Each structure stands twice: as structure tokens, then as C-alpha cells.
């Protein structure tokens, strides 16, 4: 391991750490936007009885922001895995923070961030869906009722997907490279040669062994 390799790994590590920090800040901005947007929509819809249908926006907007939040967290985990497996061996002494943090994970993940996220994204969506149930049983034209039912069902599906994304982020194992490690040292098989018209099959199937005379092509 040369000093140039170590310096290149350290420079890449600093760049990736800056990327992780920016993604963490973006996550906090997503949570702040979700709280602000949801509070504004719910306050507007409840303050005017005729605009209660506006609450159906909450499940869709919550799903979109929840997907962005889960995507940022997944990207951060991939970056951390790359630092631990690719950059740490190239630095004298290693980069031990990733391995140490994985071995000493906080036991209260369920209470300190998972439950708050459930309330922040799918929780408020279920609340909005519950408030708008009476819109589907109100006495109105059939096409209006059908439209409310379709939008309500779509919001319920989006809420279920939000729950799935958060549970998947909580329980997803770190991305592995078992298959890549198994295939890393295996040489690639040579591509078979295509037989030309009139060429014997033995010539097209494999090249002659070293020292073996090449038969003439007829």
C-alpha cells in the first residue's frame, strides 16, 4: 500500500462523509417539510367544513416525502458500507468508525426515531383518511361519491406503502457483496468460436492445445 493510494482513499472518504452529512441534513428538511405541509393542510381543511376533501392530499404528499426520506437513508447505508469495505483497507490503520458504530448500535431505535416517523408519515395519513370517511357516505351524486372512493382508496394504498418503506429501512440488512466476492477470482469463460462453412467441428469448439499441430482447413 503506497502513500498515494492512502491519500486517494482519504480524499474519497472525506468526499463521501460530506455526502452523508448533506443527505442527513436533507432528511431533516424532509421531516420539517412534512410537518409544515401536513399541519397547513389539516388546519385549512378543518377550518372550513366545505373544504374537508382537501385532507385527501395528506396521504399522497406523505407517501412522496416518505419515499424521499427512505431513499436518502438507503443511500447513506450504501455509502457507509463502501467506506468500510473499500476505503478502510486502503488506509494504514483503517477507518474504524463504521465497524464500531455497527457493533454498538443504539438499542432504542424503535422509540427514538422509528415510532416518530410512523406518526409523522403514515400516522397523519390515517388521521386524514379517518376524517374524510364521511365524505363517501354523504348524500351526493354517484359520480362524486365514486371519485371520493377512488381517491380515498389510493390514499390508503399510499399509506400502506409508507409503512412498508419505513419497516424495510428499519430491518433491511446492510448491502452484501457475497456474490461479487465469489465471482471476483473466477476467470471468464472464452466465447465459443463460430464454425465457418466447411470447417470441422473440432476446430470451432476449442483452440488446439500448446504444441499440438493445427489441422489444415479444408
C-alpha atoms as a PDB file:
ATOM      1  CA  UNK A   1       0.000   0.000   0.000  1.00  0.00           C
ATOM      2  CA  UNK A   2       1.601   3.255  -1.141  1.00  0.00           C
ATOM      3  CA  UNK A   3       1.128   6.715   0.296  1.00  0.00           C
ATOM      4  CA  UNK A   4      -0.581   7.806  -2.907  1.00  0.00           C
ATOM      5  CA  UNK A   5      -3.214   5.079  -2.509  1.00  0.00           C
ATOM      6  CA  UNK A   6      -3.784   6.033   1.134  1.00  0.00           C
ATOM      7  CA  UNK A   7      -4.096   9.728   0.283  1.00  0.00           C
ATOM      8  CA  UNK A   8      -6.558   8.949  -2.517  1.00  0.00           C
ATOM      9  CA  UNK A   9      -8.643   6.815  -0.160  1.00  0.00           C
ATOM     10  CA  UNK A  10      -8.644   9.567   2.463  1.00  0.00           C
ATOM     11  CA  UNK A  11      -9.697  12.172  -0.093  1.00  0.00           C
ATOM     12  CA  UNK A  12     -12.538   9.926  -1.269  1.00  0.00           C
ATOM     13  CA  UNK A  13     -13.507   9.274   2.348  1.00  0.00           C
ATOM     14  CA  UNK A  14     -13.786  12.994   3.049  1.00  0.00           C
ATOM     15  CA  UNK A  15     -15.948  13.447  -0.047  1.00  0.00           C
ATOM     16  CA  UNK A  16     -18.246  10.588   0.923  1.00  0.00           C
ATOM     17  CA  UNK A  17     -18.527  11.808   4.502  1.00  0.00           C
ATOM     18  CA  UNK A  18     -19.597  15.209   3.169  1.00  0.00           C
ATOM     19  CA  UNK A  19     -22.192  13.466   1.004  1.00  0.00           C
ATOM     20  CA  UNK A  20     -23.527  11.561   4.042  1.00  0.00           C
ATOM     21  CA  UNK A  21     -23.759  14.801   6.017  1.00  0.00           C
ATOM     22  CA  UNK A  22     -25.655  16.527   3.205  1.00  0.00           C
ATOM     23  CA  UNK A  23     -28.069  13.599   2.946  1.00  0.00           C
ATOM     24  CA  UNK A  24     -28.642  13.669   6.712  1.00  0.00           C
ATOM     25  CA  UNK A  25     -29.472  17.376   6.510  1.00  0.00           C
ATOM     26  CA  UNK A  26     -31.809  16.687   3.606  1.00  0.00           C
ATOM     27  CA  UNK A  27     -33.581  14.092   5.736  1.00  0.00           C
ATOM     28  CA  UNK A  28     -34.216  16.658   8.447  1.00  0.00           C
ATOM     29  CA  UNK A  29     -35.531  19.078   5.831  1.00  0.00           C
ATOM     30  CA  UNK A  30     -37.919  16.387   4.564  1.00  0.00           C
ATOM     31  CA  UNK A  31     -39.271  15.812   8.084  1.00  0.00           C
ATOM     32  CA  UNK A  32     -39.655  19.564   8.622  1.00  0.00           C
ATOM     33  CA  UNK A  33     -41.441  19.954   5.278  1.00  0.00           C
ATOM     34  CA  UNK A  34     -43.759  17.066   6.115  1.00  0.00           C
ATOM     35  CA  UNK A  35     -44.722  18.574   9.470  1.00  0.00           C
ATOM     36  CA  UNK A  36     -45.265  22.042   7.985  1.00  0.00           C
ATOM     37  CA  UNK A  37     -47.217  20.876   4.935  1.00  0.00           C
ATOM     38  CA  UNK A  38     -49.411  18.446   6.860  1.00  0.00           C
ATOM     39  CA  UNK A  39     -50.218  20.967   9.577  1.00  0.00           C
ATOM     40  CA  UNK A  40     -51.190  23.590   6.999  1.00  0.00           C
ATOM     41  CA  UNK A  41     -53.427  21.205   5.017  1.00  0.00           C
ATOM     42  CA  UNK A  42     -55.188  19.819   8.096  1.00  0.00           C
ATOM     43  CA  UNK A  43     -55.715  23.288   9.585  1.00  0.00           C
ATOM     44  CA  UNK A  44     -57.132  24.578   6.303  1.00  0.00           C
ATOM     45  CA  UNK A  45     -59.438  21.598   5.807  1.00  0.00           C
ATOM     46  CA  UNK A  46     -60.841  21.608   9.346  1.00  0.00           C
ATOM     47  CA  UNK A  47     -61.353  25.344   9.495  1.00  0.00           C
ATOM     48  CA  UNK A  48     -63.768  25.239   6.546  1.00  0.00           C
ATOM     49  CA  UNK A  49     -66.306  22.393   6.529  1.00  0.00           C
ATOM     50  CA  UNK A  50     -66.774  22.666   2.795  1.00  0.00           C
ATOM     51  CA  UNK A  51     -63.077  22.011   2.160  1.00  0.00           C
ATOM     52  CA  UNK A  52     -62.753  18.781   4.144  1.00  0.00           C
ATOM     53  CA  UNK A  53     -61.842  16.899   0.959  1.00  0.00           C
ATOM     54  CA  UNK A  54     -58.517  18.769   0.934  1.00  0.00           C
ATOM     55  CA  UNK A  55     -57.360  16.327   3.623  1.00  0.00           C
ATOM     56  CA  UNK A  56     -57.115  13.622   0.952  1.00  0.00           C
ATOM     57  CA  UNK A  57     -53.922  15.340  -0.200  1.00  0.00           C
ATOM     58  CA  UNK A  58     -52.169  14.349   3.038  1.00  0.00           C
ATOM     59  CA  UNK A  59     -51.738  10.590   2.308  1.00  0.00           C
ATOM     60  CA  UNK A  60     -50.293  11.258  -1.145  1.00  0.00           C
ATOM     61  CA  UNK A  61     -47.902  14.015  -0.062  1.00  0.00           C
ATOM     62  CA  UNK A  62     -46.839  11.955   2.963  1.00  0.00           C
ATOM     63  CA  UNK A  63     -46.060   8.983   0.743  1.00  0.00           C
ATOM     64  CA  UNK A  64     -43.948  11.076  -1.632  1.00  0.00           C
ATOM     65  CA  UNK A  65     -41.917  12.616   1.177  1.00  0.00           C
ATOM     66  CA  UNK A  66     -41.611   9.279   2.986  1.00  0.00           C
ATOM     67  CA  UNK A  67     -40.176   7.739  -0.175  1.00  0.00           C
ATOM     68  CA  UNK A  68     -37.591  10.505  -0.385  1.00  0.00           C
ATOM     69  CA  UNK A  69     -36.683  10.029   3.271  1.00  0.00           C
ATOM     70  CA  UNK A  70     -36.244   6.258   2.876  1.00  0.00           C
ATOM     71  CA  UNK A  71     -34.183   6.764  -0.293  1.00  0.00           C
ATOM     72  CA  UNK A  72     -31.773   9.088   1.497  1.00  0.00           C
ATOM     73  CA  UNK A  73     -31.342   6.649   4.363  1.00  0.00           C
ATOM     74  CA  UNK A  74     -30.684   3.758   1.978  1.00  0.00           C
ATOM     75  CA  UNK A  75     -28.071   5.779   0.073  1.00  0.00           C
ATOM     76  CA  UNK A  76     -26.343   6.647   3.346  1.00  0.00           C
ATOM     77  CA  UNK A  77     -26.143   2.960   4.290  1.00  0.00           C
ATOM     78  CA  UNK A  78     -24.654   2.036   0.913  1.00  0.00           C
ATOM     79  CA  UNK A  79     -22.073   4.796   1.240  1.00  0.00           C
ATOM     80  CA  UNK A  80     -21.129   3.650   4.737  1.00  0.00           C
ATOM     81  CA  UNK A  81     -20.752   0.075   3.505  1.00  0.00           C
ATOM     82  CA  UNK A  82     -18.478   1.240   0.681  1.00  0.00           C
ATOM     83  CA  UNK A  83     -16.306   3.146   3.156  1.00  0.00           C
ATOM     84  CA  UNK A  84     -15.980   0.107   5.427  1.00  0.00           C
ATOM     85  CA  UNK A  85     -15.237  -2.444   2.705  1.00  0.00           C
ATOM     86  CA  UNK A  86     -13.386  -0.481   0.024  1.00  0.00           C
ATOM     87  CA  UNK A  87     -11.685   2.521   1.612  1.00  0.00           C
ATOM     88  CA  UNK A  88     -10.811   1.306   5.118  1.00  0.00           C
ATOM     89  CA  UNK A  89      -8.426  -1.476   3.909  1.00  0.00           C
ATOM     90  CA  UNK A  90      -6.532   1.070   1.791  1.00  0.00           C
ATOM     91  CA  UNK A  91      -5.768   3.365   4.737  1.00  0.00           C
ATOM     92  CA  UNK A  92      -2.997   2.403   7.195  1.00  0.00           C
ATOM     93  CA  UNK A  93      -4.713   1.724  10.499  1.00  0.00           C
ATOM     94  CA  UNK A  94      -8.142   1.562   8.834  1.00  0.00           C
ATOM     95  CA  UNK A  95     -11.253   3.680   9.281  1.00  0.00           C
ATOM     96  CA  UNK A  96     -12.889   2.146  12.310  1.00  0.00           C
ATOM     97  CA  UNK A  97     -15.920   4.353  12.857  1.00  0.00           C
ATOM     98  CA  UNK A  98     -18.254   2.404  10.564  1.00  0.00           C
ATOM     99  CA  UNK A  99     -17.407  -1.002  12.062  1.00  0.00           C
ATOM    100  CA  UNK A 100     -17.605   0.365  15.606  1.00  0.00           C
ATOM    101  CA  UNK A 101     -20.971   2.012  15.049  1.00  0.00           C
ATOM    102  CA  UNK A 102     -22.383  -1.183  13.551  1.00  0.00           C
ATOM    103  CA  UNK A 103     -21.151  -3.215  16.523  1.00  0.00           C
ATOM    104  CA  UNK A 104     -22.515  -0.677  19.039  1.00  0.00           C
ATOM    105  CA  UNK A 105     -25.873   0.226  17.566  1.00  0.00           C
ATOM    106  CA  UNK A 106     -28.340   2.062  19.770  1.00  0.00           C
ATOM    107  CA  UNK A 107     -30.903  -0.338  21.262  1.00  0.00           C
ATOM    108  CA  UNK A 108     -33.694   2.272  21.346  1.00  0.00           C
ATOM    109  CA  UNK A 109     -34.125   2.728  17.590  1.00  0.00           C
ATOM    110  CA  UNK A 110     -37.793   1.774  17.852  1.00  0.00           C
ATOM    111  CA  UNK A 111     -38.563   4.581  20.285  1.00  0.00           C
ATOM    112  CA  UNK A 112     -36.198   7.343  19.274  1.00  0.00           C
ATOM    113  CA  UNK A 113     -36.805   7.530  15.503  1.00  0.00           C
ATOM    114  CA  UNK A 114     -38.995   4.705  14.146  1.00  0.00           C
ATOM    115  CA  UNK A 115     -42.214   5.473  16.034  1.00  0.00           C
ATOM    116  CA  UNK A 116     -41.889   9.240  15.463  1.00  0.00           C
ATOM    117  CA  UNK A 117     -41.508   8.574  11.735  1.00  0.00           C
ATOM    118  CA  UNK A 118     -44.565   6.310  11.758  1.00  0.00           C
ATOM    119  CA  UNK A 119     -46.580   9.119  13.332  1.00  0.00           C
ATOM    120  CA  UNK A 120     -45.083  11.761  11.053  1.00  0.00           C
ATOM    121  CA  UNK A 121     -45.775   9.997   7.736  1.00  0.00           C
ATOM    122  CA  UNK A 122     -48.393   7.191   7.776  1.00  0.00           C
ATOM    123  CA  UNK A 123     -49.901   8.240  11.113  1.00  0.00           C
ATOM    124  CA  UNK A 124     -51.160  11.602   9.899  1.00  0.00           C
ATOM    125  CA  UNK A 125     -52.300   9.946   6.673  1.00  0.00           C
ATOM    126  CA  UNK A 126     -54.538   7.554   8.599  1.00  0.00           C
ATOM    127  CA  UNK A 127     -55.848  10.506  10.598  1.00  0.00           C
ATOM    128  CA  UNK A 128     -56.754  12.367   7.409  1.00  0.00           C
ATOM    129  CA  UNK A 129     -58.391   9.275   5.924  1.00  0.00           C
ATOM    130  CA  UNK A 130     -60.474   8.827   9.055  1.00  0.00           C
ATOM    131  CA  UNK A 131     -61.695  12.423   8.896  1.00  0.00           C
ATOM    132  CA  UNK A 132     -62.772  12.041   5.279  1.00  0.00           C
ATOM    133  CA  UNK A 133     -64.686   8.749   5.581  1.00  0.00           C
ATOM    134  CA  UNK A 134     -67.995  10.564   5.913  1.00  0.00           C
ATOM    135  CA  UNK A 135     -67.461  12.170   2.507  1.00  0.00           C
ATOM    136  CA  UNK A 136     -68.065   8.773   0.885  1.00  0.00           C
ATOM    137  CA  UNK A 137     -71.369   8.138   2.701  1.00  0.00           C
ATOM    138  CA  UNK A 138     -72.794  11.636   2.294  1.00  0.00           C
ATOM    139  CA  UNK A 139     -75.882  12.105   0.132  1.00  0.00           C
ATOM    140  CA  UNK A 140     -74.486  13.336  -3.173  1.00  0.00           C
ATOM    141  CA  UNK A 141     -74.254  12.367  -6.830  1.00  0.00           C
ATOM    142  CA  UNK A 142     -72.951   8.884  -7.554  1.00  0.00           C
ATOM    143  CA  UNK A 143     -70.011  10.125  -9.643  1.00  0.00           C
ATOM    144  CA  UNK A 144     -68.903  12.423  -6.811  1.00  0.00           C
ATOM    145  CA  UNK A 145     -69.067   9.525  -4.368  1.00  0.00           C
ATOM    146  CA  UNK A 146     -67.143   7.312  -6.797  1.00  0.00           C
ATOM    147  CA  UNK A 147     -64.443   9.963  -7.129  1.00  0.00           C
ATOM    148  CA  UNK A 148     -64.088  10.254  -3.348  1.00  0.00           C
ATOM    149  CA  UNK A 149     -63.894   6.467  -3.011  1.00  0.00           C
ATOM    150  CA  UNK A 150     -61.157   6.182  -5.651  1.00  0.00           C
ATOM    151  CA  UNK A 151     -59.055   8.950  -4.137  1.00  0.00           C
ATOM    152  CA  UNK A 152     -59.602   7.542  -0.629  1.00  0.00           C
ATOM    153  CA  UNK A 153     -58.509   4.035  -1.655  1.00  0.00           C
ATOM    154  CA  UNK A 154     -55.444   5.430  -3.421  1.00  0.00           C
ATOM    155  CA  UNK A 155     -54.563   7.327  -0.234  1.00  0.00           C
ATOM    156  CA  UNK A 156     -54.970   4.145   1.828  1.00  0.00           C
ATOM    157  CA  UNK A 157     -52.646   2.241  -0.525  1.00  0.00           C
ATOM    158  CA  UNK A 158     -50.093   5.073  -0.352  1.00  0.00           C
ATOM    159  CA  UNK A 159     -50.265   4.945   3.442  1.00  0.00           C
ATOM    160  CA  UNK A 160     -49.597   1.194   3.410  1.00  0.00           C
ATOM    161  CA  UNK A 161     -46.595   1.700   1.123  1.00  0.00           C
ATOM    162  CA  UNK A 162     -45.238   4.357   3.512  1.00  0.00           C
ATOM    163  CA  UNK A 163     -45.439   1.874   6.387  1.00  0.00           C
ATOM    164  CA  UNK A 164     -43.653  -0.737   4.266  1.00  0.00           C
ATOM    165  CA  UNK A 165     -40.845   1.680   3.369  1.00  0.00           C
ATOM    166  CA  UNK A 166     -40.190   2.602   6.989  1.00  0.00           C
ATOM    167  CA  UNK A 167     -40.282  -1.014   8.200  1.00  0.00           C
ATOM    168  CA  UNK A 168     -37.997  -2.041   5.348  1.00  0.00           C
ATOM    169  CA  UNK A 169     -35.473   0.655   6.262  1.00  0.00           C
ATOM    170  CA  UNK A 170     -35.524  -0.485   9.894  1.00  0.00           C
ATOM    171  CA  UNK A 171     -34.992  -4.189   9.204  1.00  0.00           C
ATOM    172  CA  UNK A 172     -33.064  -4.143   5.935  1.00  0.00           C
ATOM    173  CA  UNK A 173     -29.605  -5.720   6.287  1.00  0.00           C
ATOM    174  CA  UNK A 174     -26.573  -3.870   5.049  1.00  0.00           C
ATOM    175  CA  UNK A 175     -25.984  -4.488   1.322  1.00  0.00           C
ATOM    176  CA  UNK A 176     -23.797  -7.550   0.939  1.00  0.00           C
ATOM    177  CA  UNK A 177     -21.272  -8.499  -1.657  1.00  0.00           C
ATOM    178  CA  UNK A 178     -21.206 -12.262  -1.238  1.00  0.00           C
ATOM    179  CA  UNK A 179     -21.976 -12.964  -4.862  1.00  0.00           C
ATOM    180  CA  UNK A 180     -19.406 -10.410  -6.064  1.00  0.00           C
ATOM    181  CA  UNK A 181     -16.747 -11.934  -3.768  1.00  0.00           C
ATOM    182  CA  UNK A 182     -17.447 -15.416  -5.072  1.00  0.00           C
ATOM    183  CA  UNK A 183     -17.163 -14.303  -8.682  1.00  0.00           C
ATOM    184  CA  UNK A 184     -14.242 -11.914  -8.257  1.00  0.00           C
ATOM    185  CA  UNK A 185     -11.456 -14.504  -8.708  1.00  0.00           C
ATOM    186  CA  UNK A 186     -13.110 -16.633 -11.369  1.00  0.00           C
ATOM    187  CA  UNK A 187     -11.763 -16.173 -14.904  1.00  0.00           C
ATOM    188  CA  UNK A 188     -14.326 -15.531 -17.559  1.00  0.00           C
ATOM    189  CA  UNK A 189     -15.011 -18.378 -19.952  1.00  0.00           C
ATOM    190  CA  UNK A 190     -13.824 -17.776 -23.502  1.00  0.00           C
ATOM    191  CA  UNK A 191     -16.553 -17.211 -26.024  1.00  0.00           C
ATOM    192  CA  UNK A 192     -17.050 -20.142 -28.397  1.00  0.00           C
ATOM    193  CA  UNK A 193     -15.896 -19.603 -31.912  1.00  0.00           C
ATOM    194  CA  UNK A 194     -18.376 -19.818 -34.722  1.00  0.00           C
ATOM    195  CA  UNK A 195     -17.717 -22.531 -37.229  1.00  0.00           C
ATOM    196  CA  UNK A 196     -17.234 -21.441 -40.778  1.00  0.00           C
ATOM    197  CA  UNK A 197     -18.805 -23.361 -43.653  1.00  0.00           C
ATOM    198  CA  UNK A 198     -16.689 -26.440 -44.315  1.00  0.00           C
ATOM    199  CA  UNK A 199     -14.740 -26.168 -41.030  1.00  0.00           C
ATOM    200  CA  UNK A 200     -14.596 -29.308 -38.859  1.00  0.00           C
ATOM    201  CA  UNK A 201     -16.457 -29.154 -35.562  1.00  0.00           C
ATOM    202  CA  UNK A 202     -13.286 -29.824 -33.554  1.00  0.00           C
ATOM    203  CA  UNK A 203     -11.738 -26.608 -34.808  1.00  0.00           C
ATOM    204  CA  UNK A 204     -14.759 -24.491 -33.962  1.00  0.00           C
ATOM    205  CA  UNK A 205     -15.332 -25.907 -30.487  1.00  0.00           C
ATOM    206  CA  UNK A 206     -11.933 -25.229 -28.863  1.00  0.00           C
ATOM    207  CA  UNK A 207      -8.425 -23.996 -29.789  1.00  0.00           C
ATOM    208  CA  UNK A 208      -5.645 -26.614 -30.137  1.00  0.00           C
ATOM    209  CA  UNK A 209      -3.513 -27.415 -27.101  1.00  0.00           C
ATOM    210  CA  UNK A 210       0.029 -25.964 -26.864  1.00  0.00           C
ATOM    211  CA  UNK A 211       2.407 -27.910 -29.092  1.00  0.00           C
ATOM    212  CA  UNK A 212      -0.386 -29.670 -30.977  1.00  0.00           C
ATOM    213  CA  UNK A 213      -0.278 -29.137 -34.734  1.00  0.00           C
ATOM    214  CA  UNK A 214      -3.099 -27.227 -36.232  1.00  0.00           C
ATOM    215  CA  UNK A 215      -5.000 -29.344 -38.745  1.00  0.00           C
ATOM    216  CA  UNK A 216      -5.469 -27.754 -42.129  1.00  0.00           C
ATOM    217  CA  UNK A 217      -8.760 -26.220 -43.040  1.00  0.00           C
ATOM    218  CA  UNK A 218     -10.430 -27.870 -45.986  1.00  0.00           C
END
